[in-house]
Structure formats: C-alpha cells, structure tokens
Amino acid sequence: MEFGLCSGDVPTIDELVDRADDELFEKVLCNSHHVLYNTLSDETVSIYELRHRPHSRQLVNKITRLAEASFIVRMLCKDV
C-alpha cells in the first residue's frame, strides 16, 4: 500500500532489515572475537567449485521452529 508520503527510491523496511542482517552476518564471519562467532557452525572444505556461496560454514539441521528463528540458522540457510 502506498500513500505517497516518501519518494519511490526509499528502501522498504524488508530491504533495510535484510541489508542490516547481511552486514551483521558478514561482521560475525570476519571477526573471530565477535560475541556471536562461537555460535557459528564449523567451516567446511569443498573440493568442488560449483557455485559461489556466501559463507563456508556447514548447514545446520532446523529441528524446531525456535531453531529456524535463530539469526545464525536463518543466515546460514539464506538463499539455499
């Protein structure tokens, strides 16, 4: 629904949240001293170069709805 209160080039809330999530996840991946770094799954080594992946971490099993809502699980499984 558009009310014409701002111009069309302003990002939506969904886009802002996605961008913030991506930036935080990148910071967690790059900084081993980040408070969330220890919650990451183990790194995986692939001998194949099939396609670009946003991370080199193992995917985790989403056992419960609560686990699916976890930031780390959501980001690991994003665009899979």
PDB file of N, CA and C in Angstrom:
ATOM      1  N   MET A   1       0.851  -1.169   0.000  1.00  0.00           N
ATOM      2  CA  MET A   1       0.000   0.000   0.000  1.00  0.00           C
ATOM      3  C   MET A   1       0.895   1.230   0.000  1.00  0.00           C
ATOM      4  N   GLU A   2       0.627   2.122  -0.888  1.00  0.00           N
ATOM      5  CA  GLU A   2       1.464   3.310  -0.999  1.00  0.00           C
ATOM      6  C   GLU A   2       0.611   4.544  -0.750  1.00  0.00           C
ATOM      7  N   PHE A   3       1.107   5.424   0.123  1.00  0.00           N
ATOM      8  CA  PHE A   3       0.378   6.629   0.473  1.00  0.00           C
ATOM      9  C   PHE A   3       1.013   7.886  -0.111  1.00  0.00           C
ATOM     10  N   GLY A   4       2.153   7.745  -0.794  1.00  0.00           N
ATOM     11  CA  GLY A   4       2.805   8.889  -1.393  1.00  0.00           C
ATOM     12  C   GLY A   4       3.498   9.800  -0.395  1.00  0.00           C
ATOM     13  N   LEU A   5       3.851   9.256   0.773  1.00  0.00           N
ATOM     14  CA  LEU A   5       4.485  10.070   1.802  1.00  0.00           C
ATOM     15  C   LEU A   5       5.988  10.216   1.603  1.00  0.00           C
ATOM     16  N   CYS A   6       6.584   9.360   0.813  1.00  0.00           N
ATOM     17  CA  CYS A   6       8.011   9.468   0.525  1.00  0.00           C
ATOM     18  C   CYS A   6       8.241   9.037  -0.924  1.00  0.00           C
ATOM     19  N   SER A   7       9.413   9.361  -1.410  1.00  0.00           N
ATOM     20  CA  SER A   7       9.698   9.044  -2.804  1.00  0.00           C
ATOM     21  C   SER A   7       9.852   7.536  -3.005  1.00  0.00           C
ATOM     22  N   GLY A   8       9.752   7.109  -4.241  1.00  0.00           N
ATOM     23  CA  GLY A   8       9.818   5.684  -4.566  1.00  0.00           C
ATOM     24  C   GLY A   8      11.186   5.062  -4.436  1.00  0.00           C
ATOM     25  N   ASP A   9      12.239   5.882  -4.313  1.00  0.00           N
ATOM     26  CA  ASP A   9      13.588   5.329  -4.225  1.00  0.00           C
ATOM     27  C   ASP A   9      14.014   5.015  -2.790  1.00  0.00           C
ATOM     28  N   VAL A  10      13.132   5.209  -1.823  1.00  0.00           N
ATOM     29  CA  VAL A  10      13.427   4.888  -0.424  1.00  0.00           C
ATOM     30  C   VAL A  10      13.238   3.384  -0.235  1.00  0.00           C
ATOM     31  N   PRO A  11      14.234   2.695   0.359  1.00  0.00           N
ATOM     32  CA  PRO A  11      14.103   1.236   0.536  1.00  0.00           C
ATOM     33  C   PRO A  11      12.968   0.890   1.498  1.00  0.00           C
ATOM     34  N   THR A  12      12.386  -0.270   1.272  1.00  0.00           N
ATOM     35  CA  THR A  12      11.319  -0.745   2.157  1.00  0.00           C
ATOM     36  C   THR A  12      11.924  -1.233   3.468  1.00  0.00           C
ATOM     37  N   ILE A  13      11.071  -1.439   4.459  1.00  0.00           N
ATOM     38  CA  ILE A  13      11.526  -1.961   5.753  1.00  0.00           C
ATOM     39  C   ILE A  13      12.172  -3.331   5.558  1.00  0.00           C
ATOM     40  N   ASP A  14      11.584  -4.174   4.727  1.00  0.00           N
ATOM     41  CA  ASP A  14      12.146  -5.507   4.456  1.00  0.00           C
ATOM     42  C   ASP A  14      13.559  -5.402   3.891  1.00  0.00           C
ATOM     43  N   GLU A  15      13.761  -4.488   2.960  1.00  0.00           N
ATOM     44  CA  GLU A  15      15.090  -4.303   2.368  1.00  0.00           C
ATOM     45  C   GLU A  15      16.090  -3.795   3.393  1.00  0.00           C
ATOM     46  N   LEU A  16      15.664  -2.876   4.255  1.00  0.00           N
ATOM     47  CA  LEU A  16      16.554  -2.356   5.297  1.00  0.00           C
ATOM     48  C   LEU A  16      16.947  -3.450   6.284  1.00  0.00           C
ATOM     49  N   VAL A  17      15.979  -4.265   6.681  1.00  0.00           N
ATOM     50  CA  VAL A  17      16.261  -5.351   7.634  1.00  0.00           C
ATOM     51  C   VAL A  17      17.174  -6.391   6.996  1.00  0.00           C
ATOM     52  N   ASP A  18      16.908  -6.770   5.744  1.00  0.00           N
ATOM     53  CA  ASP A  18      17.771  -7.735   5.046  1.00  0.00           C
ATOM     54  C   ASP A  18      19.201  -7.218   4.938  1.00  0.00           C
ATOM     55  N   ARG A  19      19.346  -5.956   4.601  1.00  0.00           N
ATOM     56  CA  ARG A  19      20.678  -5.362   4.479  1.00  0.00           C
ATOM     57  C   ARG A  19      21.397  -5.349   5.836  1.00  0.00           C
ATOM     58  N   ALA A  20      20.670  -5.003   6.904  1.00  0.00           N
ATOM     59  CA  ALA A  20      21.266  -4.989   8.243  1.00  0.00           C
ATOM     60  C   ALA A  20      21.673  -6.401   8.672  1.00  0.00           C
ATOM     61  N   ASP A  21      20.830  -7.397   8.381  1.00  0.00           N
ATOM     62  CA  ASP A  21      21.164  -8.791   8.694  1.00  0.00           C
ATOM     63  C   ASP A  21      22.421  -9.233   7.949  1.00  0.00           C
ATOM     64  N   ASP A  22      22.492  -8.919   6.668  1.00  0.00           N
ATOM     65  CA  ASP A  22      23.663  -9.293   5.861  1.00  0.00           C
ATOM     66  C   ASP A  22      24.934  -8.646   6.399  1.00  0.00           C
ATOM     67  N   GLU A  23      24.854  -7.376   6.776  1.00  0.00           N
ATOM     68  CA  GLU A  23      26.028  -6.676   7.311  1.00  0.00           C
ATOM     69  C   GLU A  23      26.477  -7.272   8.634  1.00  0.00           C
ATOM     70  N   LEU A  24      25.521  -7.572   9.524  1.00  0.00           N
ATOM     71  CA  LEU A  24      25.872  -8.179  10.807  1.00  0.00           C
ATOM     72  C   LEU A  24      26.488  -9.555  10.601  1.00  0.00           C
ATOM     73  N   PHE A  25      25.895 -10.370   9.730  1.00  0.00           N
ATOM     74  CA  PHE A  25      26.421 -11.714   9.486  1.00  0.00           C
ATOM     75  C   PHE A  25      27.843 -11.643   8.925  1.00  0.00           C
ATOM     76  N   GLU A  26      28.094 -10.715   8.026  1.00  0.00           N
ATOM     77  CA  GLU A  26      29.439 -10.539   7.465  1.00  0.00           C
ATOM     78  C   GLU A  26      30.433 -10.160   8.561  1.00  0.00           C
ATOM     79  N   LYS A  27      30.011  -9.301   9.481  1.00  0.00           N
ATOM     80  CA  LYS A  27      30.885  -8.907  10.592  1.00  0.00           C
ATOM     81  C   LYS A  27      31.176 -10.091  11.503  1.00  0.00           C
ATOM     82  N   VAL A  28      30.169 -10.932  11.743  1.00  0.00           N
ATOM     83  CA  VAL A  28      30.363 -12.120  12.587  1.00  0.00           C
ATOM     84  C   VAL A  28      31.345 -13.083  11.916  1.00  0.00           C
ATOM     85  N   LEU A  29      31.179 -13.303  10.607  1.00  0.00           N
ATOM     86  CA  LEU A  29      32.056 -14.220   9.883  1.00  0.00           C
ATOM     87  C   LEU A  29      33.511 -13.752   9.874  1.00  0.00           C
ATOM     88  N   CYS A  30      33.716 -12.454   9.810  1.00  0.00           N
ATOM     89  CA  CYS A  30      35.064 -11.900   9.654  1.00  0.00           C
ATOM     90  C   CYS A  30      35.786 -11.616  10.964  1.00  0.00           C
ATOM     91  N   ASN A  31      35.078 -11.645  12.080  1.00  0.00           N
ATOM     92  CA  ASN A  31      35.682 -11.260  13.347  1.00  0.00           C
ATOM     93  C   ASN A  31      35.561 -12.403  14.352  1.00  0.00           C
ATOM     94  N   SER A  32      36.648 -13.107  14.574  1.00  0.00           N
ATOM     95  CA  SER A  32      36.621 -14.253  15.498  1.00  0.00           C
ATOM     96  C   SER A  32      36.417 -13.833  16.952  1.00  0.00           C
ATOM     97  N   HIS A  33      36.481 -12.546  17.236  1.00  0.00           N
ATOM     98  CA  HIS A  33      36.253 -12.051  18.595  1.00  0.00           C
ATOM     99  C   HIS A  33      34.825 -11.536  18.782  1.00  0.00           C
ATOM    100  N   HIS A  34      34.013 -11.612  17.728  1.00  0.00           N
ATOM    101  CA  HIS A  34      32.626 -11.167  17.830  1.00  0.00           C
ATOM    102  C   HIS A  34      31.878 -12.084  18.782  1.00  0.00           C
ATOM    103  N   VAL A  35      30.951 -11.523  19.541  1.00  0.00           N
ATOM    104  CA  VAL A  35      30.225 -12.296  20.546  1.00  0.00           C
ATOM    105  C   VAL A  35      29.411 -13.439  19.924  1.00  0.00           C
ATOM    106  N   LEU A  36      28.995 -13.321  18.684  1.00  0.00           N
ATOM    107  CA  LEU A  36      28.220 -14.373  18.028  1.00  0.00           C
ATOM    108  C   LEU A  36      29.079 -15.385  17.264  1.00  0.00           C
ATOM    109  N   TYR A  37      30.367 -15.149  17.166  1.00  0.00           N
ATOM    110  CA  TYR A  37      31.238 -16.011  16.363  1.00  0.00           C
ATOM    111  C   TYR A  37      31.190 -17.467  16.839  1.00  0.00           C
ATOM    112  N   ASN A  38      31.144 -17.692  18.140  1.00  0.00           N
ATOM    113  CA  ASN A  38      31.150 -19.062  18.679  1.00  0.00           C
ATOM    114  C   ASN A  38      29.855 -19.812  18.386  1.00  0.00           C
ATOM    115  N   THR A  39      28.820 -19.106  17.944  1.00  0.00           N
ATOM    116  CA  THR A  39      27.564 -19.778  17.624  1.00  0.00           C
ATOM    117  C   THR A  39      27.535 -20.285  16.185  1.00  0.00           C
ATOM    118  N   LEU A  40      28.551 -19.949  15.397  1.00  0.00           N
ATOM    119  CA  LEU A  40      28.621 -20.409  14.010  1.00  0.00           C
ATOM    120  C   LEU A  40      28.923 -21.898  13.960  1.00  0.00           C
ATOM    121  N   SER A  41      28.441 -22.552  12.924  1.00  0.00           N
ATOM    122  CA  SER A  41      28.779 -23.964  12.723  1.00  0.00           C
ATOM    123  C   SER A  41      30.218 -24.062  12.219  1.00  0.00           C
ATOM    124  N   ASP A  42      30.735 -25.274  12.173  1.00  0.00           N
ATOM    125  CA  ASP A  42      32.105 -25.493  11.724  1.00  0.00           C
ATOM    126  C   ASP A  42      32.260 -25.121  10.259  1.00  0.00           C
ATOM    127  N   GLU A  43      33.488 -24.775   9.894  1.00  0.00           N
ATOM    128  CA  GLU A  43      33.772 -24.494   8.490  1.00  0.00           C
ATOM    129  C   GLU A  43      33.833 -25.801   7.722  1.00  0.00           C
ATOM    130  N   THR A  44      33.451 -25.735   6.474  1.00  0.00           N
ATOM    131  CA  THR A  44      33.507 -26.899   5.613  1.00  0.00           C
ATOM    132  C   THR A  44      34.464 -26.613   4.462  1.00  0.00           C
ATOM    133  N   VAL A  45      35.132 -27.649   4.039  1.00  0.00           N
ATOM    134  CA  VAL A  45      36.064 -27.505   2.920  1.00  0.00           C
ATOM    135  C   VAL A  45      35.502 -28.306   1.755  1.00  0.00           C
ATOM    136  N   SER A  46      35.326 -27.634   0.639  1.00  0.00           N
ATOM    137  CA  SER A  46      34.788 -28.297  -0.535  1.00  0.00           C
ATOM    138  C   SER A  46      35.881 -28.394  -1.593  1.00  0.00           C
ATOM    139  N   ILE A  47      35.979 -29.550  -2.208  1.00  0.00           N
ATOM    140  CA  ILE A  47      36.971 -29.706  -3.265  1.00  0.00           C
ATOM    141  C   ILE A  47      36.400 -29.286  -4.613  1.00  0.00           C
ATOM    142  N   TYR A  48      35.085 -29.026  -4.633  1.00  0.00           N
ATOM    143  CA  TYR A  48      34.427 -28.617  -5.866  1.00  0.00           C
ATOM    144  C   TYR A  48      34.112 -27.132  -5.831  1.00  0.00           C
ATOM    145  N   GLU A  49      34.181 -26.501  -6.957  1.00  0.00           N
ATOM    146  CA  GLU A  49      33.826 -25.090  -7.090  1.00  0.00           C
ATOM    147  C   GLU A  49      32.592 -24.994  -7.975  1.00  0.00           C
ATOM    148  N   LEU A  50      31.466 -25.424  -7.438  1.00  0.00           N
ATOM    149  CA  LEU A  50      30.247 -25.467  -8.237  1.00  0.00           C
ATOM    150  C   LEU A  50      29.603 -24.096  -8.399  1.00  0.00           C
ATOM    151  N   ARG A  51      29.486 -23.356  -7.322  1.00  0.00           N
ATOM    152  CA  ARG A  51      28.906 -22.018  -7.375  1.00  0.00           C
ATOM    153  C   ARG A  51      29.374 -21.235  -6.159  1.00  0.00           C
ATOM    154  N   HIS A  52      29.247 -19.936  -6.251  1.00  0.00           N
ATOM    155  CA  HIS A  52      29.649 -19.064  -5.153  1.00  0.00           C
ATOM    156  C   HIS A  52      28.695 -19.244  -3.980  1.00  0.00           C
ATOM    157  N   ARG A  53      29.254 -19.372  -2.796  1.00  0.00           N
ATOM    158  CA  ARG A  53      28.454 -19.449  -1.586  1.00  0.00           C
ATOM    159  C   ARG A  53      28.774 -18.246  -0.717  1.00  0.00           C
ATOM    160  N   PRO A  54      27.789 -17.724  -0.016  1.00  0.00           N
ATOM    161  CA  PRO A  54      28.024 -16.545   0.810  1.00  0.00           C
ATOM    162  C   PRO A  54      28.847 -16.836   2.070  1.00  0.00           C
ATOM    163  N   HIS A  55      29.021 -18.115   2.390  1.00  0.00           N
ATOM    164  CA  HIS A  55      29.813 -18.482   3.566  1.00  0.00           C
ATOM    165  C   HIS A  55      30.401 -19.873   3.360  1.00  0.00           C
ATOM    166  N   SER A  56      31.362 -20.218   4.185  1.00  0.00           N
ATOM    167  CA  SER A  56      32.000 -21.537   4.083  1.00  0.00           C
ATOM    168  C   SER A  56      31.678 -22.384   5.311  1.00  0.00           C
ATOM    169  N   ARG A  57      30.509 -22.209   5.846  1.00  0.00           N
ATOM    170  CA  ARG A  57      30.085 -22.926   7.056  1.00  0.00           C
ATOM    171  C   ARG A  57      29.155 -24.076   6.704  1.00  0.00           C
ATOM    172  N   GLN A  58      29.146 -25.081   7.572  1.00  0.00           N
ATOM    173  CA  GLN A  58      28.249 -26.208   7.388  1.00  0.00           C
ATOM    174  C   GLN A  58      26.819 -25.757   7.665  1.00  0.00           C
ATOM    175  N   LEU A  59      25.895 -26.278   6.893  1.00  0.00           N
ATOM    176  CA  LEU A  59      24.493 -26.005   7.164  1.00  0.00           C
ATOM    177  C   LEU A  59      24.054 -26.834   8.355  1.00  0.00           C
ATOM    178  N   VAL A  60      23.130 -26.311   9.115  1.00  0.00           N
ATOM    179  CA  VAL A  60      22.669 -26.994  10.321  1.00  0.00           C
ATOM    180  C   VAL A  60      21.255 -27.509  10.100  1.00  0.00           C
ATOM    181  N   ASN A  61      20.898 -28.539  10.850  1.00  0.00           N
ATOM    182  CA  ASN A  61      19.540 -29.071  10.796  1.00  0.00           C
ATOM    183  C   ASN A  61      18.611 -28.130  11.543  1.00  0.00           C
ATOM    184  N   LYS A  62      17.501 -27.796  10.919  1.00  0.00           N
ATOM    185  CA  LYS A  62      16.493 -26.966  11.576  1.00  0.00           C
ATOM    186  C   LYS A  62      15.509 -27.921  12.247  1.00  0.00           C
ATOM    187  N   ILE A  63      15.732 -28.188  13.517  1.00  0.00           N
ATOM    188  CA  ILE A  63      14.954 -29.203  14.227  1.00  0.00           C
ATOM    189  C   ILE A  63      13.610 -28.650  14.710  1.00  0.00           C
ATOM    190  N   THR A  64      13.618 -27.461  15.244  1.00  0.00           N
ATOM    191  CA  THR A  64      12.399 -26.887  15.812  1.00  0.00           C
ATOM    192  C   THR A  64      12.123 -25.536  15.181  1.00  0.00           C
ATOM    193  N   ARG A  65      10.926 -25.042  15.402  1.00  0.00           N
ATOM    194  CA  ARG A  65      10.573 -23.713  14.913  1.00  0.00           C
ATOM    195  C   ARG A  65      11.452 -22.656  15.569  1.00  0.00           C
ATOM    196  N   LEU A  66      11.795 -22.859  16.830  1.00  0.00           N
ATOM    197  CA  LEU A  66      12.659 -21.910  17.530  1.00  0.00           C
ATOM    198  C   LEU A  66      14.040 -21.870  16.887  1.00  0.00           C
ATOM    199  N   ALA A  67      14.551 -23.027  16.499  1.00  0.00           N
ATOM    200  CA  ALA A  67      15.858 -23.069  15.834  1.00  0.00           C
ATOM    201  C   ALA A  67      15.798 -22.372  14.485  1.00  0.00           C
ATOM    202  N   GLU A  68      14.683 -22.508  13.782  1.00  0.00           N
ATOM    203  CA  GLU A  68      14.528 -21.843  12.492  1.00  0.00           C
ATOM    204  C   GLU A  68      14.542 -20.334  12.634  1.00  0.00           C
ATOM    205  N   ALA A  69      14.106 -19.825  13.779  1.00  0.00           N
ATOM    206  CA  ALA A  69      14.035 -18.383  14.005  1.00  0.00           C
ATOM    207  C   ALA A  69      15.379 -17.804  14.439  1.00  0.00           C
ATOM    208  N   SER A  70      16.344 -18.652  14.749  1.00  0.00           N
ATOM    209  CA  SER A  70      17.659 -18.190  15.184  1.00  0.00           C
ATOM    210  C   SER A  70      18.342 -17.397  14.072  1.00  0.00           C
ATOM    211  N   PHE A  71      18.965 -16.284  14.436  1.00  0.00           N
ATOM    212  CA  PHE A  71      19.643 -15.434  13.459  1.00  0.00           C
ATOM    213  C   PHE A  71      20.691 -16.216  12.680  1.00  0.00           C
ATOM    214  N   ILE A  72      21.544 -16.949  13.372  1.00  0.00           N
ATOM    215  CA  ILE A  72      22.623 -17.680  12.715  1.00  0.00           C
ATOM    216  C   ILE A  72      22.063 -18.739  11.768  1.00  0.00           C
ATOM    217  N   VAL A  73      21.070 -19.492  12.201  1.00  0.00           N
ATOM    218  CA  VAL A  73      20.466 -20.522  11.359  1.00  0.00           C
ATOM    219  C   VAL A  73      19.819 -19.881  10.134  1.00  0.00           C
ATOM    220  N   ARG A  74      19.094 -18.793  10.339  1.00  0.00           N
ATOM    221  CA  ARG A  74      18.464 -18.110   9.206  1.00  0.00           C
ATOM    222  C   ARG A  74      19.491 -17.647   8.192  1.00  0.00           C
ATOM    223  N   MET A  75      20.602 -17.091   8.665  1.00  0.00           N
ATOM    224  CA  MET A  75      21.613 -16.555   7.754  1.00  0.00           C
ATOM    225  C   MET A  75      22.388 -17.676   7.067  1.00  0.00           C
ATOM    226  N   LEU A  76      22.647 -18.785   7.769  1.00  0.00           N
ATOM    227  CA  LEU A  76      23.336 -19.912   7.146  1.00  0.00           C
ATOM    228  C   LEU A  76      22.491 -20.529   6.040  1.00  0.00           C
ATOM    229  N   CYS A  77      21.179 -20.531   6.211  1.00  0.00           N
ATOM    230  CA  CYS A  77      20.282 -21.172   5.253  1.00  0.00           C
ATOM    231  C   CYS A  77      19.687 -20.186   4.259  1.00  0.00           C
ATOM    232  N   LYS A  78      20.070 -18.935   4.328  1.00  0.00           N
ATOM    233  CA  LYS A  78      19.527 -17.922   3.424  1.00  0.00           C
ATOM    234  C   LYS A  78      19.995 -18.208   1.995  1.00  0.00           C
ATOM    235  N   ASP A  79      19.090 -18.078   1.062  1.00  0.00           N
ATOM    236  CA  ASP A  79      19.374 -18.269  -0.375  1.00  0.00           C
ATOM    237  C   ASP A  79      19.892 -19.667  -0.694  1.00  0.00           C
ATOM    238  N   VAL A  80      19.447 -20.652   0.038  1.00  0.00           N
ATOM    239  CA  VAL A  80      19.867 -22.033  -0.223  1.00  0.00           C
ATOM    240  C   VAL A  80      18.935 -22.646  -1.224  1.00  0.00           C
TER     241      VAL A  80
END
